[in-house]
Protein backbone atom coordinates (compact mmCIF):
# COMPACT_ATOMS: atom_id res chain seq x y z
CA MET A 1 -19.26 -13.68 8.79
CA PRO A 2 -19.33 -11.06 5.89
CA LEU A 3 -16.25 -8.62 5.88
CA TYR A 4 -16.55 -5.74 6.17
CA GLU A 5 -14.32 -2.04 4.96
CA TYR A 6 -15.05 1.46 6.82
CA ILE A 7 -12.49 5.07 5.72
CA THR A 8 -12.37 7.71 7.94
CA THR A 9 -15.00 10.72 6.73
CA ASP A 10 -12.32 13.36 7.31
CA PRO A 11 -8.34 12.11 6.54
CA GLU A 12 -6.98 15.59 8.25
CA LYS A 13 -7.99 14.33 12.22
CA GLY A 14 -8.06 10.51 11.01
CA CYS A 15 -5.38 7.31 12.41
CA ARG A 16 -2.35 6.30 9.99
CA ILE A 17 -4.96 3.32 9.70
CA CYS A 18 -8.13 4.83 9.05
CA ARG A 19 -6.87 7.30 6.56
CA GLN A 20 -6.22 3.85 4.55
CA GLY A 21 -8.91 1.91 5.40
CA PHE A 22 -9.32 -0.90 6.98
CA GLU A 23 -11.45 -4.31 6.89
CA LEU A 24 -13.08 -6.05 9.69
CA ARG A 25 -15.19 -8.82 9.98
CA ARG A 26 -18.52 -8.65 12.21
CA PRO A 27 -21.64 -10.20 12.00
CA VAL A 28 -24.49 -9.25 10.22
CA SER A 29 -26.45 -8.96 13.50
CA ARG A 30 -24.47 -5.86 14.46
CA PRO A 31 -24.89 -2.66 13.63
CA PRO A 32 -22.09 -0.68 11.28
CA LEU A 33 -19.15 0.98 12.41
CA GLU A 34 -19.62 4.58 13.74
CA THR A 35 -15.83 5.55 14.97
CA CYS A 36 -12.47 4.06 14.57
CA PRO A 37 -11.85 2.18 16.96
CA LEU A 38 -8.32 2.83 17.71
CA CYS A 39 -8.27 6.91 17.26
CA ARG A 40 -12.04 7.66 17.65
CA ASN A 41 -12.20 10.08 14.25
CA PRO A 42 -16.05 8.53 12.65
CA VAL A 43 -15.73 6.74 9.66
CA LYS A 44 -18.21 5.38 7.15
CA LYS A 45 -18.10 1.76 5.54
CA LEU A 46 -17.19 1.12 1.72
CA VAL A 47 -18.35 -1.46 -0.46
CA SER A 48 -16.62 -3.93 -0.24
CA ARG A 49 -14.59 -5.76 -2.80
CA SER A 50 -14.01 -8.52 -1.75
CA VAL A 51 -16.20 -11.48 -2.44
CA ASN A 52 -17.68 -13.63 0.15
CA THR A 53 -17.59 -17.54 -1.37
CA PRO A 54 -19.42 -20.54 0.31
CA LYS A 55 -17.34 -23.57 1.17
CA ILE A 56 -17.45 -26.62 -0.65
CA SER A 57 -19.26 -28.68 2.15
CA LYS A 58 -17.85 -32.09 1.00
CA PRO A 59 -14.56 -33.45 -1.06
CA LEU A 60 -13.99 -33.43 -4.46
CA SER A 61 -13.98 -36.89 -6.22
CA VAL A 62 -10.74 -38.00 -7.89
CA SER A 63 -12.13 -38.02 -11.52
CA ASP A 64 -13.65 -33.80 -10.52
CA ALA A 65 -10.17 -32.89 -9.25
CA LYS A 66 -8.60 -34.12 -12.06
CA LYS A 67 -10.71 -32.69 -14.88
CA ALA A 68 -10.05 -29.10 -12.77
CA GLY A 69 -6.37 -29.86 -13.33
CA PHE A 70 -5.12 -31.24 -10.28
CA THR A 71 -2.53 -33.98 -9.55
CA VAL A 72 -3.73 -36.55 -7.57
CA LEU A 73 -2.35 -38.47 -5.30
CA GLU A 74 -2.59 -41.82 -2.72
CA ARG A 75 -0.50 -42.41 -0.07
CA ARG A 76 0.78 -45.96 -0.24
CA ASP A 77 3.88 -46.56 2.89
CA GLN A 78 5.51 -43.73 5.22
CA GLY A 79 6.32 -40.75 3.14
CA THR A 80 5.65 -42.62 -0.50
CA TYR A 81 2.84 -41.21 -2.41
CA GLU A 82 1.65 -42.41 -6.16
CA LYS A 83 0.03 -40.81 -9.17
CA LEU A 84 -3.53 -42.11 -9.42
């Protein structure tokens, strides 16, 4: 679900939350908010500074993880790990 940012159109009348701006996850199919959920004053949608990145669908291989700078450990016994 995308992340949307909203802020009040009239800072004099808005509540503490909508005066500072708030983020909300909403399905794309739903229309944008027109009022603050708390104080019911008008809000406008902002261009988000957040970037929605796709999740990796498969785990990285050991060689990919090492190339990325991660330390790869393998479990040997209860609580014992060995560096690969």
